[in-house]
Protein backbone atom coordinates (compact mmCIF):
# COMPACT_ATOMS: atom_id res chain seq x y z
CA UNK A 1 4.25 8.15 -45.75
CA UNK A 2 5.41 9.84 -42.57
CA UNK A 3 9.08 10.80 -42.59
CA UNK A 4 11.15 9.06 -39.93
CA UNK A 5 12.63 11.18 -37.15
CA UNK A 6 14.92 8.32 -36.13
CA UNK A 7 18.63 8.80 -36.64
CA UNK A 8 19.87 5.86 -34.54
CA UNK A 9 18.44 2.45 -33.58
CA UNK A 10 15.99 2.35 -30.69
CA UNK A 11 17.64 2.20 -27.25
CA UNK A 12 18.35 -1.15 -25.63
CA UNK A 13 15.57 -0.79 -23.04
CA UNK A 14 12.91 -0.61 -25.79
CA UNK A 15 11.10 -3.67 -27.16
CA UNK A 16 9.40 -4.23 -30.48
CA UNK A 17 6.08 -6.01 -30.39
CA UNK A 18 3.74 -7.16 -33.10
CA UNK A 19 0.18 -6.61 -31.90
CA UNK A 20 -2.43 -7.75 -34.42
CA UNK A 21 -1.16 -6.51 -37.76
CA UNK A 22 0.74 -3.49 -36.42
CA UNK A 23 4.24 -2.98 -35.02
CA UNK A 24 4.86 -1.05 -31.81
CA UNK A 25 7.80 0.34 -29.87
CA UNK A 26 7.26 -0.68 -26.24
CA UNK A 27 8.62 0.85 -23.04
CA UNK A 28 8.00 -0.25 -19.46
CA UNK A 29 7.18 2.52 -16.99
CA UNK A 30 10.18 2.58 -14.59
CA UNK A 31 9.43 1.06 -11.21
CA UNK A 32 5.93 -0.15 -12.15
CA UNK A 33 4.86 -3.37 -10.42
CA UNK A 34 3.27 -5.17 -12.18
CA UNK A 35 4.91 -3.69 -15.31
CA UNK A 36 2.99 -1.02 -17.17
CA UNK A 37 3.62 -1.26 -20.92
CA UNK A 38 3.33 1.88 -23.03
CA UNK A 39 3.17 1.45 -26.81
CA UNK A 40 3.99 3.81 -29.68
CA UNK A 41 2.87 2.61 -33.11
CA UNK A 42 5.41 2.51 -35.94
CA UNK A 43 3.89 4.71 -38.64
CA UNK A 44 5.98 3.51 -41.56
CA UNK A 45 8.26 0.69 -42.67
CA UNK A 46 11.08 3.21 -42.77
CA UNK A 47 10.54 4.14 -39.14
CA UNK A 48 10.31 0.53 -38.00
CA UNK A 49 13.46 -0.42 -39.89
CA UNK A 50 15.30 2.50 -38.29
CA UNK A 51 14.63 1.04 -34.84
CA UNK A 52 17.03 -1.79 -35.73
CA UNK A 53 19.46 0.03 -37.99
CA UNK A 54 20.06 -0.17 -41.78
CA UNK A 55 20.00 -3.64 -43.31
CA UNK A 56 19.29 -5.29 -39.94
CA UNK A 57 16.51 -7.89 -39.68
CA UNK A 58 13.33 -6.87 -37.88
CA UNK A 59 12.95 -9.12 -34.86
CA UNK A 60 9.85 -9.03 -32.65
CA UNK A 61 10.29 -9.46 -28.92
CA UNK A 62 6.65 -10.52 -28.60
CA UNK A 63 3.70 -11.15 -30.90
CA UNK A 64 0.10 -11.18 -29.72
CA UNK A 65 -3.45 -10.29 -30.56
CA UNK A 66 -5.13 -7.03 -29.66
CA UNK A 67 -7.14 -8.79 -26.94
CA UNK A 68 -3.99 -10.25 -25.42
CA UNK A 69 -2.45 -6.76 -25.36
CA UNK A 70 -5.50 -5.39 -23.57
CA UNK A 71 -5.25 -8.24 -21.09
CA UNK A 72 -1.69 -7.15 -20.30
CA UNK A 73 -2.93 -3.62 -19.77
CA UNK A 74 -0.89 -2.15 -22.64
CA UNK A 75 -1.39 1.62 -22.88
CA UNK A 76 -1.37 2.96 -26.43
CA UNK A 77 0.26 6.40 -26.27
CA UNK A 78 0.24 7.36 -29.95
CA UNK A 79 2.61 7.06 -32.87
CA UNK A 80 6.39 7.00 -32.95
CA UNK A 81 6.49 10.39 -34.71
CA UNK A 82 5.15 11.92 -31.47
CA UNK A 83 8.14 10.80 -29.42
CA UNK A 84 10.37 13.76 -28.57
CA UNK A 85 13.69 11.93 -28.57
CA UNK A 86 14.17 8.57 -30.20
CA UNK A 87 17.69 8.19 -28.83
CA UNK A 88 16.56 7.35 -25.31
CA UNK A 89 13.73 6.07 -23.19
CA UNK A 90 10.86 8.61 -23.26
CA UNK A 91 10.57 8.26 -19.51
CA UNK A 92 14.17 9.50 -19.18
CA UNK A 93 13.21 12.56 -21.22
CA UNK A 94 10.09 12.90 -19.11
CA UNK A 95 12.20 12.86 -15.92
CA UNK A 96 14.53 15.50 -17.35
CA UNK A 97 11.56 17.66 -18.24
CA UNK A 98 10.22 17.28 -14.72
CA UNK A 99 13.56 18.39 -13.24
CA UNK A 100 13.34 21.59 -15.28
CA UNK A 101 9.70 22.16 -14.34
CA UNK A 102 10.53 21.59 -10.66
CA UNK A 103 12.28 24.97 -10.58
CA UNK A 104 8.81 26.50 -10.29
CA UNK A 105 6.81 23.36 -9.41
CA UNK A 106 8.85 21.69 -6.65
CA UNK A 107 6.06 19.29 -5.72
CA UNK A 108 6.52 17.28 -8.92
CA UNK A 109 9.68 15.75 -7.43
CA UNK A 110 7.64 14.28 -4.59
CA UNK A 111 7.48 10.48 -5.00
CA UNK A 112 3.76 10.32 -4.21
CA UNK A 113 2.99 13.12 -6.63
CA UNK A 114 5.07 11.57 -9.42
CA UNK A 115 3.34 8.24 -9.09
CA UNK A 116 -0.10 9.87 -9.17
CA UNK A 117 0.83 12.18 -12.03
CA UNK A 118 2.17 9.32 -14.14
CA UNK A 119 -0.98 7.31 -13.54
CA UNK A 120 -3.20 10.29 -14.39
CA UNK A 121 -1.14 11.08 -17.51
CA UNK A 122 -1.39 7.54 -18.78
CA UNK A 123 -5.13 7.61 -18.06
CA UNK A 124 -5.45 10.94 -19.89
CA UNK A 125 -6.92 12.84 -16.94
CA UNK A 126 -5.98 15.58 -14.47
CA UNK A 127 -5.00 14.96 -10.87
CA UNK A 128 -7.82 15.50 -8.40
CA UNK A 129 -7.53 17.89 -5.43
CA UNK A 130 -7.85 14.94 -3.09
CA UNK A 131 -4.89 13.19 -4.72
CA UNK A 132 -2.76 16.33 -4.53
CA UNK A 133 -3.60 16.96 -0.89
CA UNK A 134 -2.76 13.38 0.05
CA UNK A 135 0.89 13.76 -1.01
CA UNK A 136 3.68 14.13 1.50
CA UNK A 137 4.72 17.39 -0.17
CA UNK A 138 1.35 19.01 0.52
CA UNK A 139 1.32 17.87 4.13
CA UNK A 140 4.87 19.05 4.93
CA UNK A 141 4.89 22.50 3.37
CA UNK A 142 3.66 25.93 4.41
CA UNK A 143 0.40 27.58 3.49
CA UNK A 144 2.25 30.05 1.25
CA UNK A 145 3.84 27.15 -0.65
CA UNK A 146 0.55 25.26 -0.93
CA UNK A 147 -1.14 28.44 -2.10
CA UNK A 148 1.25 28.63 -5.04
CA UNK A 149 0.48 25.00 -5.87
CA UNK A 150 -3.25 25.80 -5.88
CA UNK A 151 -2.75 28.76 -8.20
CA UNK A 152 -0.57 26.78 -10.56
CA UNK A 153 -3.07 23.94 -10.88
CA UNK A 154 -6.21 26.05 -10.70
CA UNK A 155 -5.28 29.00 -12.92
CA UNK A 156 -2.18 28.33 -15.06
CA UNK A 157 -2.43 31.69 -16.85
CA UNK A 158 -2.33 33.61 -13.57
CA UNK A 159 0.53 31.43 -12.37
CA UNK A 160 2.54 32.21 -15.49
CA UNK A 161 1.85 35.92 -15.04
CA UNK A 162 3.05 35.77 -11.43
CA UNK A 163 6.29 34.10 -12.51
CA UNK A 164 6.97 36.75 -15.15
CA UNK A 165 5.99 39.70 -12.94
CA UNK A 166 8.19 38.56 -10.06
CA UNK A 167 11.15 38.06 -12.38
CA UNK A 168 10.75 41.59 -13.71
CA UNK A 169 10.48 42.90 -10.15
CA UNK A 170 13.57 40.95 -9.00
CA UNK A 171 15.67 42.29 -11.86
CA UNK A 172 14.65 45.86 -11.13
CA UNK A 173 15.36 45.49 -7.41
CA UNK A 174 18.85 44.18 -8.13
CA UNK A 175 19.50 47.05 -10.53
CA UNK A 176 18.19 49.57 -8.00
CA UNK A 177 20.54 48.05 -5.41
CA UNK A 178 23.48 48.91 -7.66
CA UNK A 179 24.09 45.55 -9.31
CA UNK A 180 25.03 45.80 -12.98
CA UNK A 181 23.57 43.31 -15.45
CA UNK A 182 22.35 40.60 -13.05
CA UNK A 183 22.25 37.25 -14.83
CA UNK A 184 19.03 35.57 -15.89
CA UNK A 185 19.84 32.55 -13.72
CA UNK A 186 20.28 34.74 -10.65
CA UNK A 187 17.10 36.74 -11.34
CA UNK A 188 14.99 33.66 -12.00
CA UNK A 189 16.20 31.83 -8.90
CA UNK A 190 15.49 34.74 -6.54
CA UNK A 191 12.16 35.66 -8.13
CA UNK A 192 10.94 32.07 -8.21
CA UNK A 193 11.70 31.57 -4.51
CA UNK A 194 9.32 34.43 -3.77
CA UNK A 195 6.73 33.17 -6.27
CA UNK A 196 6.72 29.67 -4.79
CA UNK A 197 6.27 30.98 -1.26
CA UNK A 198 9.74 29.81 -0.18
CA UNK A 199 10.89 33.36 0.66
CA UNK A 200 8.90 36.05 2.43
CA UNK A 201 9.14 39.65 1.26
CA UNK A 202 11.47 40.50 4.17
CA UNK A 203 13.74 37.56 3.41
CA UNK A 204 13.77 38.41 -0.30
CA UNK A 205 14.88 41.97 0.48
CA UNK A 206 17.61 40.66 2.76
CA UNK A 207 18.96 38.46 -0.04
CA UNK A 208 19.02 41.40 -2.43
CA UNK A 209 21.18 43.18 0.15
CA UNK A 210 23.41 40.11 0.59
CA UNK A 211 24.03 39.95 -3.17
CA UNK A 212 24.42 43.66 -3.88
CA UNK A 213 26.44 44.59 -0.79
CA UNK A 214 29.04 42.01 0.28
CA UNK A 215 29.84 44.19 3.30
CA UNK A 216 26.30 43.86 4.65
CA UNK A 217 27.16 40.77 6.69
CA UNK A 218 23.83 39.14 5.76
CA UNK A 219 24.05 35.37 5.40
CA UNK A 220 23.29 34.32 1.84
CA UNK A 221 20.68 31.66 1.14
CA UNK A 222 22.39 28.32 0.42
CA UNK A 223 20.84 27.86 -3.01
CA UNK A 224 21.62 31.44 -3.93
CA UNK A 225 25.20 31.04 -2.70
CA UNK A 226 25.64 28.02 -4.96
CA UNK A 227 24.65 30.08 -8.00
CA UNK A 228 26.81 32.99 -6.85
CA UNK A 229 29.87 30.79 -6.29
CA UNK A 230 29.49 29.03 -9.63
CA UNK A 231 30.25 32.21 -11.51
CA UNK A 232 27.31 34.54 -11.06
CA UNK A 233 29.18 36.55 -8.47
CA UNK A 234 32.74 37.73 -8.16
CA UNK A 235 34.98 36.49 -10.93
CA UNK A 236 38.65 35.66 -10.70
CA UNK A 237 39.31 38.66 -12.94
CA UNK A 238 37.87 41.04 -10.37
CA UNK A 239 39.91 39.49 -7.57
CA UNK A 240 43.00 39.82 -9.77
CA UNK A 241 42.17 43.49 -10.29
CA UNK A 242 42.07 44.06 -6.53
CA UNK A 243 45.39 42.24 -6.07
CA UNK A 244 46.99 44.31 -8.85
CA UNK A 245 45.81 47.59 -7.27
CA UNK A 246 47.13 46.52 -3.87
CA UNK A 247 50.53 45.73 -5.35
CA UNK A 248 50.58 48.98 -7.31
CA UNK A 249 49.75 51.28 -4.43
CA UNK A 250 50.84 49.48 -1.25
CA UNK A 251 53.40 46.91 -2.38
CA UNK A 252 53.92 43.30 -1.24
CA UNK A 253 54.12 44.10 2.49
CA UNK A 254 51.27 46.48 3.19
CA UNK A 255 49.18 45.20 0.28
CA UNK A 256 49.09 41.63 1.60
CA UNK A 257 45.36 41.56 2.34
CA UNK A 258 43.69 38.28 3.26
CA UNK A 259 41.43 36.51 0.79
CA UNK A 260 38.24 37.58 2.56
CA UNK A 261 39.17 41.25 2.18
CA UNK A 262 40.06 40.72 -1.47
CA UNK A 263 36.75 38.94 -2.13
CA UNK A 264 34.85 41.73 -0.38
CA UNK A 265 36.34 44.45 -2.55
CA UNK A 266 36.10 42.29 -5.68
CA UNK A 267 32.36 42.09 -5.02
CA UNK A 268 32.19 45.86 -4.82
CA UNK A 269 34.00 46.13 -8.15
CA UNK A 270 31.45 43.86 -9.75
CA UNK A 271 28.40 45.66 -8.45
CA UNK A 272 29.45 49.30 -8.48
CA UNK A 273 30.91 51.08 -11.53
CA UNK A 274 32.61 53.60 -9.20
CA UNK A 275 34.10 50.99 -6.88
CA UNK A 276 37.48 50.74 -8.59
CA UNK A 277 38.07 54.50 -8.41
CA UNK A 278 36.93 54.51 -4.78
CA UNK A 279 39.36 51.70 -3.99
CA UNK A 280 42.22 53.54 -5.69
CA UNK A 281 41.48 56.66 -3.64
CA UNK A 282 41.42 54.57 -0.47
CA UNK A 283 44.76 52.98 -1.35
CA UNK A 284 46.24 56.39 -2.14
CA UNK A 285 45.22 57.56 1.34
CA UNK A 286 46.85 54.51 2.89
CA UNK A 287 50.01 55.01 0.83
CA UNK A 288 50.21 58.63 2.02
CA UNK A 289 49.92 57.48 5.63
CA UNK A 290 52.63 54.84 5.20
CA UNK A 291 55.05 56.99 3.21
CA UNK A 292 54.30 60.65 4.03
CA UNK A 293 57.73 61.62 2.69
CA UNK A 294 56.23 61.40 -0.80
CA UNK A 295 53.77 64.27 -0.77
CA UNK A 296 52.25 63.68 -4.22
CA UNK A 297 49.35 61.28 -3.65
CA UNK A 298 49.50 60.20 -7.29
CA UNK A 299 52.90 58.59 -6.74
CA UNK A 300 52.32 54.86 -6.22
CA UNK A 301 54.37 52.37 -4.25
CA UNK A 302 55.66 50.92 -7.51
CA UNK A 303 56.90 54.35 -8.65
CA UNK A 304 58.64 54.89 -5.30
CA UNK A 305 60.23 51.45 -5.21
CA UNK A 306 61.46 51.22 -8.81
CA UNK A 307 64.73 53.24 -8.45
CA UNK A 308 65.66 51.54 -5.18
CA UNK A 309 65.25 48.07 -6.65
CA UNK A 310 67.94 48.87 -9.21
CA UNK A 311 70.07 50.68 -6.63
CA UNK A 312 70.09 47.65 -4.34
CA UNK A 313 70.74 45.32 -7.27
CA UNK A 314 73.83 47.36 -8.15
CA UNK A 315 75.11 47.54 -4.57
CA UNK A 316 74.49 43.96 -3.48
CA UNK A 317 74.49 42.11 -6.81
CA UNK A 318 71.20 40.43 -6.01
CA UNK A 319 67.53 41.13 -6.46
CA UNK A 320 65.90 43.18 -3.74
CA UNK A 321 63.60 41.44 -1.28
CA UNK A 322 60.82 43.99 -0.96
CA UNK A 323 59.38 42.29 2.10
CA UNK A 324 62.66 43.03 3.94
CA UNK A 325 62.26 45.98 6.38
CA UNK A 326 65.60 47.24 4.99
CA UNK A 327 64.00 47.86 1.61
CA UNK A 328 61.04 49.66 3.15
CA UNK A 329 63.50 51.87 5.06
CA UNK A 330 65.29 52.70 1.80
CA UNK A 331 62.01 53.83 0.25
CA UNK A 332 61.33 56.07 3.25
CA UNK A 333 64.86 57.51 3.17
CA UNK A 334 64.69 58.30 -0.55
CA UNK A 335 68.35 59.38 -0.36
CA UNK A 336 71.16 57.77 -2.38
CA UNK A 337 73.99 58.68 0.03
CA UNK A 338 72.10 57.51 3.10
CA UNK A 339 70.91 54.33 1.41
CA UNK A 340 74.41 53.58 0.08
CA UNK A 341 75.82 53.73 3.60
CA UNK A 342 72.93 51.60 4.89
CA UNK A 343 73.54 48.91 2.27
CA UNK A 344 77.25 48.74 3.04
CA UNK A 345 76.62 48.40 6.76
CA UNK A 346 73.83 45.81 6.39
CA UNK A 347 75.73 44.00 3.64
CA UNK A 348 78.73 43.50 5.90
CA UNK A 349 76.52 42.42 8.81
CA UNK A 350 74.71 39.90 6.63
CA UNK A 351 77.76 38.70 4.78
CA UNK A 352 76.54 39.78 1.35
CA UNK A 353 79.21 38.54 -1.04
CA UNK A 354 79.57 41.57 -3.28
CA UNK A 355 79.77 43.98 -0.36
CA UNK A 356 82.29 41.86 1.56
CA UNK A 357 84.45 41.35 -1.53
CA UNK A 358 84.37 45.04 -2.38
CA UNK A 359 85.41 46.03 1.13
CA UNK A 360 88.21 43.43 1.23
CA UNK A 361 89.54 44.62 -2.11
CA UNK A 362 89.44 48.22 -0.92
CA UNK A 363 91.28 47.34 2.28
CA UNK A 364 93.92 45.44 0.30
CA UNK A 365 94.49 48.37 -2.00
CA UNK A 366 94.86 50.70 0.94
CA UNK A 367 97.26 48.30 2.65
CA UNK A 368 99.52 47.72 -0.34
CA UNK A 369 99.52 51.39 -1.27
CA UNK A 370 101.73 52.22 1.75
CA UNK A 371 104.38 49.56 1.09
CA UNK A 372 107.63 50.83 -0.48
CA UNK A 373 109.60 48.46 -2.59
CA UNK A 374 113.06 47.84 -1.15
CA UNK A 375 116.00 49.08 -3.21
């Protein structure tokens, strides 16, 4: 007795028919008018019972003779053990399979093609050239795209070899362009566009440049951009690395790059193992130009600013605002006496509480120090 593959009852859109002395699981081909019934024979009592669930009565939706079934045009597809997924309608699984296959066979999503393919499949035959060439897909696509369709249908082995060869080529081209570990999804998408005749060789090369060099200015293909933006390209971690380097070397004022600049350099970090060191050297040059008073290029903005943050905290009793031009001037001065005088002057002008209170207390002490007590 064949072992049941069923783990749950048959889905609600299935029917159970008794035809002659056999029991069948019946599905209607979606959209068929008149309805096309496809039957899978139950190969064991265990299987049939599992369609309804344990201890549930077996109820037939219809009972008829073999001749009546033929009169309805019932198509006998095989046994229930041949169904790939008993949890759902086999035509749902079939549609999902077609969606996957469409990545290299886009024509199978054409309505005309699907209808003809389903009919041919149920009739156990191949599609004819005339049927294929009558579809809207064939009539609205380029010769390069139709050529791929011919190869795929006429010589499946060659078609498979073309797919594999182009994927190998695409991976190598991305590596040669300086991209580390390109993902399988990215490689397959780009290679398959070339295989299917969607991209010319020139366009393919341009997209390699768009991916590997964000500074190229080349517009990325929409489908490729979707893959890139969904995680195949710059990650948040790489953008965070760029932001951290900007803050380390240039600080919150001069390191306030816009998001496009950050994304550009994050892309370089992803594709080039030397990009981070190159960015650091660039930021060191910029820091030297902004603060030439610090002659050691290895001294970062954060190292320069650290002592003056605490100095200002002590003088004003509040945390330093590093975006304030006053703080940037203090870094440039790099002189405690000069910066102390600057903080007193600016503190009084701005009404900083600690500075005002300190000066008032000092004035009071000076004033009372000259008063002699009367005898």
